[in-house]
Amino acid sequence: MGRGGPPTEVAERAENSVRVLSTVYATCLDGRRSAYNDRITTLLDG
């Protein structure tokens, strides 16, 4: 998840639900909001 993998795929491989991953492992995403926003903007701009 911290490297931008699809949450459903990460959850399946971790044998957990997306809800569990986003609740328990959310610390993996701390401090990365700016990088994710940049990535999203790049994808949307094509």
C-alpha atoms as a PDB file:
ATOM      1  CA  MET A   1       0.000   0.000   0.000  1.00  0.00           C
ATOM      2  CA  GLY A   2       2.777   2.388   0.851  1.00  0.00           C
ATOM      3  CA  ARG A   3       4.203   1.992  -2.638  1.00  0.00           C
ATOM      4  CA  GLY A   4       0.938   2.713  -4.396  1.00  0.00           C
ATOM      5  CA  GLY A   5      -0.375  -0.787  -4.953  1.00  0.00           C
ATOM      6  CA  PRO A   6      -4.096  -1.216  -5.435  1.00  0.00           C
ATOM      7  CA  PRO A   7      -5.663  -1.632  -1.972  1.00  0.00           C
ATOM      8  CA  THR A   8      -7.766  -4.615  -3.050  1.00  0.00           C
ATOM      9  CA  GLU A   9      -4.687  -6.455  -4.350  1.00  0.00           C
ATOM     10  CA  VAL A  10      -2.651  -5.652  -1.247  1.00  0.00           C
ATOM     11  CA  ALA A  11      -5.500  -6.791   1.005  1.00  0.00           C
ATOM     12  CA  GLU A  12      -5.895 -10.050  -0.875  1.00  0.00           C
ATOM     13  CA  ARG A  13      -2.188 -10.844  -0.646  1.00  0.00           C
ATOM     14  CA  ALA A  14      -2.110  -9.913   3.046  1.00  0.00           C
ATOM     15  CA  GLU A  15      -5.186 -12.090   3.608  1.00  0.00           C
ATOM     16  CA  ASN A  16      -7.042  -9.130   5.104  1.00  0.00           C
ATOM     17  CA  SER A  17      -9.779  -6.757   4.078  1.00  0.00           C
ATOM     18  CA  VAL A  18      -9.181  -3.275   2.698  1.00  0.00           C
ATOM     19  CA  ARG A  19     -10.828  -1.955   5.875  1.00  0.00           C
ATOM     20  CA  VAL A  20      -8.308  -3.768   8.091  1.00  0.00           C
ATOM     21  CA  LEU A  21      -5.391  -2.579   5.977  1.00  0.00           C
ATOM     22  CA  SER A  22      -6.528   1.033   5.999  1.00  0.00           C
ATOM     23  CA  THR A  23      -7.141   0.949   9.752  1.00  0.00           C
ATOM     24  CA  VAL A  24      -4.215  -1.109  11.016  1.00  0.00           C
ATOM     25  CA  TYR A  25      -1.570  -0.299   8.449  1.00  0.00           C
ATOM     26  CA  ALA A  26      -2.500   3.337   7.785  1.00  0.00           C
ATOM     27  CA  THR A  27       0.799   4.450   9.333  1.00  0.00           C
ATOM     28  CA  CYS A  28       2.471   3.272   6.117  1.00  0.00           C
ATOM     29  CA  LEU A  29       0.815   6.200   4.380  1.00  0.00           C
ATOM     30  CA  ASP A  30       1.754   8.910   6.881  1.00  0.00           C
ATOM     31  CA  GLY A  31       3.796  11.687   5.340  1.00  0.00           C
ATOM     32  CA  ARG A  32       3.176  10.500   1.804  1.00  0.00           C
ATOM     33  CA  ARG A  33       0.075  12.566   0.997  1.00  0.00           C
ATOM     34  CA  SER A  34       1.991  15.065  -1.141  1.00  0.00           C
ATOM     35  CA  ALA A  35       3.648  12.322  -3.187  1.00  0.00           C
ATOM     36  CA  TYR A  36       0.297  10.586  -3.726  1.00  0.00           C
ATOM     37  CA  ASN A  37      -1.379  13.840  -4.736  1.00  0.00           C
ATOM     38  CA  ASP A  38       1.393  14.466  -7.263  1.00  0.00           C
ATOM     39  CA  ARG A  39       0.993  10.960  -8.674  1.00  0.00           C
ATOM     40  CA  ILE A  40      -2.785  11.350  -8.965  1.00  0.00           C
ATOM     41  CA  THR A  41      -2.418  14.720 -10.678  1.00  0.00           C
ATOM     42  CA  THR A  42       0.055  13.274 -13.172  1.00  0.00           C
ATOM     43  CA  LEU A  43      -2.276  10.383 -13.978  1.00  0.00           C
ATOM     44  CA  LEU A  44      -5.293  12.640 -14.411  1.00  0.00           C
ATOM     45  CA  ASP A  45      -3.413  15.101 -16.609  1.00  0.00           C
ATOM     46  CA  GLY A  46      -2.438  12.250 -18.890  1.00  0.00           C
END
